Protein backbone atom coordinates (compact mmCIF):
# COMPACT_ATOMS: atom_id res chain seq x y z
CA MET A 1 16.34 7.51 -10.94
CA ASN A 2 17.02 11.21 -10.68
CA GLU A 3 20.69 11.87 -11.39
CA ALA A 4 20.74 14.64 -8.81
CA PHE A 5 20.60 12.02 -6.03
CA LEU A 6 23.03 9.48 -7.44
CA GLU A 7 26.05 8.63 -5.32
CA LYS A 8 27.73 11.67 -3.78
CA ASN A 9 24.78 13.98 -4.44
CA ASN A 10 22.61 11.75 -2.25
CA PRO A 11 22.53 13.18 1.31
CA ILE A 12 22.66 9.66 2.80
CA PHE A 13 25.45 8.38 0.55
CA ASP A 14 28.28 6.68 2.45
CA ARG A 15 26.54 7.00 5.84
CA ILE A 16 26.36 4.12 8.25
CA HIS A 17 23.46 3.88 10.69
CA SER A 18 24.36 3.19 14.30
CA ALA A 19 22.92 0.16 16.08
CA GLU A 20 20.65 2.50 18.03
CA THR A 21 19.28 4.09 14.84
CA LYS A 22 18.72 0.67 13.26
CA ALA A 23 16.80 -0.43 16.36
CA LYS A 24 14.60 2.68 16.19
CA ILE A 25 13.87 2.11 12.50
CA SER A 26 13.02 -1.53 13.22
CA THR A 27 10.65 -0.59 16.02
CA ILE A 28 8.81 1.93 13.87
CA GLN A 29 8.43 -0.52 10.98
CA GLU A 30 7.43 -3.46 13.16
CA ILE A 31 4.28 -5.32 12.13
CA PHE A 32 2.69 -8.10 14.14
CA ILE A 33 0.91 -10.77 12.11
CA TYR A 34 -1.61 -12.69 14.18
CA VAL A 35 -2.61 -15.97 12.55
CA TYR A 36 -5.87 -17.57 13.63
CA PHE A 37 -7.66 -20.72 12.60
CA SER A 38 -10.67 -20.04 10.38
CA ASP A 39 -13.00 -20.05 13.42
CA LYS A 40 -11.28 -16.75 14.39
CA SER A 41 -11.15 -17.71 18.05
CA THR A 42 -8.08 -19.95 18.22
CA LEU A 43 -4.70 -18.27 17.84
CA PHE A 44 -2.29 -20.30 15.72
CA TYR A 45 0.88 -18.18 15.81
CA ILE A 46 2.18 -14.61 16.11
CA PHE A 47 4.84 -13.49 13.64
CA TYR A 48 6.87 -10.38 14.42
CA SER A 49 7.28 -9.39 10.79
CA ALA A 50 5.73 -10.07 7.42
CA ASN A 51 9.07 -11.55 6.35
CA LYS A 52 8.93 -14.19 9.10
CA ALA A 53 5.37 -15.07 8.06
CA LYS A 54 6.34 -15.30 4.39
CA GLU A 55 9.12 -17.75 5.24
CA PHE A 56 6.71 -19.92 7.20
CA PHE A 57 4.00 -19.89 4.51
CA ASN A 58 6.48 -19.96 1.62
CA CYS A 59 5.02 -16.98 -0.23
CA HIS A 60 5.81 -13.32 -0.91
CA TYR A 61 5.60 -10.85 1.98
CA GLN A 62 3.19 -8.67 0.00
CA THR A 63 0.79 -11.63 -0.16
CA ILE A 64 0.89 -11.80 3.64
CA LEU A 65 0.18 -8.08 3.93
CA LYS A 66 -2.63 -8.26 1.37
CA TYR A 67 -4.48 -10.97 3.29
CA ALA A 68 -3.76 -9.27 6.60
CA LYS A 69 -5.33 -6.04 5.39
CA ASN A 70 -8.39 -7.53 3.70
CA GLY A 71 -9.11 -10.13 6.42
CA LYS A 72 -9.87 -12.95 3.98
CA LEU A 73 -8.93 -16.57 4.56
CA PHE A 74 -5.44 -17.57 3.51
CA LYS A 75 -4.69 -21.17 2.53
CA LYS A 76 -8.30 -22.05 3.47
CA LEU A 77 -7.49 -22.60 7.15
CA LEU A 78 -5.93 -19.45 8.49
CA ILE A 79 -6.83 -15.81 8.70
CA LEU A 80 -4.17 -13.15 9.10
CA ILE A 81 -4.65 -9.98 11.10
CA TYR A 82 -2.09 -7.24 11.24
CA ASN A 83 -1.25 -4.68 13.88
CA PHE A 84 1.14 -1.83 13.17
CA ASN A 85 3.12 -1.03 16.28
CA PHE A 86 4.01 2.62 15.69
CA PHE A 87 4.29 3.78 19.28
CA ARG A 88 6.06 1.59 21.78
């Protein structure tokens, strides 16, 4: 890490985000994971974050995102589709 941005030289060091700012950051980073059965017509579940999906499927969140982006079958029964919700 660049020493110029360690601790007190970092412009965000010792700042605390307000609840409003945290909510805005959350909204911008929100990802919806739609999980369908392999027939692609029956919705199984909607997860409101990759982390929630990873907990359900017991895998890493990057695995969820990888399958969501490439559209391949995951665990032989489900397909994951993602939707970035940038503007709400």
